[in-house]
């Protein structure tokens, strides 16, 4: 999992009542948005073109993930 923590470690402090599908998808979208913001900031600060290109590709990946989560959200919660 991102951040070097296992899924079990990440989920341990989360109370069971927050584990509805709506909350899980909302949390996933939040993580994707935060990652997009981070990579965008890093791309703007990158001095080397190769680094900037890498961060921009990562932004695109996060956008793809976000789109997938949004589609699943619409499918599961019409």
C-alpha atoms as a PDB file:
ATOM      1  CA  UNK A   1       0.000   0.000   0.000  1.00  0.00           C
ATOM      2  CA  UNK A   2       1.146   3.563  -0.584  1.00  0.00           C
ATOM      3  CA  UNK A   3       3.030   5.018   2.349  1.00  0.00           C
ATOM      4  CA  UNK A   4       4.735   1.734   3.246  1.00  0.00           C
ATOM      5  CA  UNK A   5       1.959   0.530   5.531  1.00  0.00           C
ATOM      6  CA  UNK A   6       0.030  -2.680   5.074  1.00  0.00           C
ATOM      7  CA  UNK A   7      -3.721  -2.526   4.508  1.00  0.00           C
ATOM      8  CA  UNK A   8      -4.210  -4.117   7.938  1.00  0.00           C
ATOM      9  CA  UNK A   9      -2.089  -1.414   9.612  1.00  0.00           C
ATOM     10  CA  UNK A  10      -3.920   1.319   7.759  1.00  0.00           C
ATOM     11  CA  UNK A  11      -7.380  -0.036   8.582  1.00  0.00           C
ATOM     12  CA  UNK A  12      -6.702  -0.797  12.270  1.00  0.00           C
ATOM     13  CA  UNK A  13      -7.627   2.652  13.653  1.00  0.00           C
ATOM     14  CA  UNK A  14     -10.742   3.007  11.466  1.00  0.00           C
ATOM     15  CA  UNK A  15     -13.966   2.392  13.338  1.00  0.00           C
ATOM     16  CA  UNK A  16     -16.220  -0.304  11.803  1.00  0.00           C
ATOM     17  CA  UNK A  17     -19.160   2.073  11.359  1.00  0.00           C
ATOM     18  CA  UNK A  18     -17.071   4.041   8.838  1.00  0.00           C
ATOM     19  CA  UNK A  19     -16.574   1.027   6.602  1.00  0.00           C
ATOM     20  CA  UNK A  20     -19.712   1.397   4.508  1.00  0.00           C
ATOM     21  CA  UNK A  21     -19.232   1.286   0.747  1.00  0.00           C
ATOM     22  CA  UNK A  22     -20.042   4.997   0.555  1.00  0.00           C
ATOM     23  CA  UNK A  23     -17.386   5.881   3.112  1.00  0.00           C
ATOM     24  CA  UNK A  24     -14.801   3.586   1.552  1.00  0.00           C
ATOM     25  CA  UNK A  25     -15.310   5.095  -1.901  1.00  0.00           C
ATOM     26  CA  UNK A  26     -15.249   8.616  -0.473  1.00  0.00           C
ATOM     27  CA  UNK A  27     -11.997   7.849   1.324  1.00  0.00           C
ATOM     28  CA  UNK A  28     -10.504   6.361  -1.844  1.00  0.00           C
ATOM     29  CA  UNK A  29     -11.447   9.472  -3.842  1.00  0.00           C
ATOM     30  CA  UNK A  30      -9.889  11.647  -1.162  1.00  0.00           C
ATOM     31  CA  UNK A  31      -6.609   9.712  -1.379  1.00  0.00           C
ATOM     32  CA  UNK A  32      -6.538   9.946  -5.166  1.00  0.00           C
ATOM     33  CA  UNK A  33      -7.174  13.695  -5.038  1.00  0.00           C
ATOM     34  CA  UNK A  34      -4.444  14.182  -2.459  1.00  0.00           C
ATOM     35  CA  UNK A  35      -1.997  12.184  -4.569  1.00  0.00           C
ATOM     36  CA  UNK A  36      -2.899  14.220  -7.675  1.00  0.00           C
ATOM     37  CA  UNK A  37      -2.317  17.442  -5.752  1.00  0.00           C
ATOM     38  CA  UNK A  38       1.032  16.224  -4.412  1.00  0.00           C
ATOM     39  CA  UNK A  39       2.292  15.084  -7.824  1.00  0.00           C
ATOM     40  CA  UNK A  40       1.099  18.326  -9.428  1.00  0.00           C
ATOM     41  CA  UNK A  41       3.020  20.379  -6.868  1.00  0.00           C
ATOM     42  CA  UNK A  42       6.110  18.231  -7.345  1.00  0.00           C
ATOM     43  CA  UNK A  43       5.859  18.627 -11.131  1.00  0.00           C
ATOM     44  CA  UNK A  44       5.727  22.422 -10.782  1.00  0.00           C
ATOM     45  CA  UNK A  45       8.807  22.379  -8.542  1.00  0.00           C
ATOM     46  CA  UNK A  46      10.819  19.879 -10.580  1.00  0.00           C
ATOM     47  CA  UNK A  47      13.869  21.403 -12.169  1.00  0.00           C
ATOM     48  CA  UNK A  48      14.583  18.530 -14.543  1.00  0.00           C
ATOM     49  CA  UNK A  49      12.258  17.815 -17.421  1.00  0.00           C
ATOM     50  CA  UNK A  50      12.433  14.053 -16.839  1.00  0.00           C
ATOM     51  CA  UNK A  51      11.299  14.497 -13.244  1.00  0.00           C
ATOM     52  CA  UNK A  52       8.509  16.854 -14.271  1.00  0.00           C
ATOM     53  CA  UNK A  53       7.338  14.372 -16.904  1.00  0.00           C
ATOM     54  CA  UNK A  54       7.319  11.561 -14.360  1.00  0.00           C
ATOM     55  CA  UNK A  55       5.199  13.542 -11.904  1.00  0.00           C
ATOM     56  CA  UNK A  56       2.792  14.549 -14.661  1.00  0.00           C
ATOM     57  CA  UNK A  57       2.420  10.883 -15.679  1.00  0.00           C
ATOM     58  CA  UNK A  58       1.658  10.087 -12.052  1.00  0.00           C
ATOM     59  CA  UNK A  59      -1.014  12.809 -12.048  1.00  0.00           C
ATOM     60  CA  UNK A  60      -2.561  11.126 -15.101  1.00  0.00           C
ATOM     61  CA  UNK A  61      -2.486   7.759 -13.315  1.00  0.00           C
ATOM     62  CA  UNK A  62      -4.235   9.212 -10.278  1.00  0.00           C
ATOM     63  CA  UNK A  63      -6.865  10.794 -12.543  1.00  0.00           C
ATOM     64  CA  UNK A  64      -7.465   7.375 -14.086  1.00  0.00           C
ATOM     65  CA  UNK A  65      -7.856   5.845 -10.619  1.00  0.00           C
ATOM     66  CA  UNK A  66     -10.249   8.611  -9.604  1.00  0.00           C
ATOM     67  CA  UNK A  67     -12.343   8.024 -12.725  1.00  0.00           C
ATOM     68  CA  UNK A  68     -12.555   4.323 -11.953  1.00  0.00           C
ATOM     69  CA  UNK A  69     -13.662   5.017  -8.376  1.00  0.00           C
ATOM     70  CA  UNK A  70     -16.267   7.520  -9.574  1.00  0.00           C
ATOM     71  CA  UNK A  71     -17.643   4.964 -12.047  1.00  0.00           C
ATOM     72  CA  UNK A  72     -17.836   2.328  -9.330  1.00  0.00           C
ATOM     73  CA  UNK A  73     -19.521   4.804  -7.021  1.00  0.00           C
ATOM     74  CA  UNK A  74     -22.182   5.540  -9.638  1.00  0.00           C
ATOM     75  CA  UNK A  75     -22.633   1.828 -10.341  1.00  0.00           C
ATOM     76  CA  UNK A  76     -22.921   0.818  -6.693  1.00  0.00           C
ATOM     77  CA  UNK A  77     -24.917   3.805  -5.468  1.00  0.00           C
ATOM     78  CA  UNK A  78     -27.190   4.983  -8.280  1.00  0.00           C
END
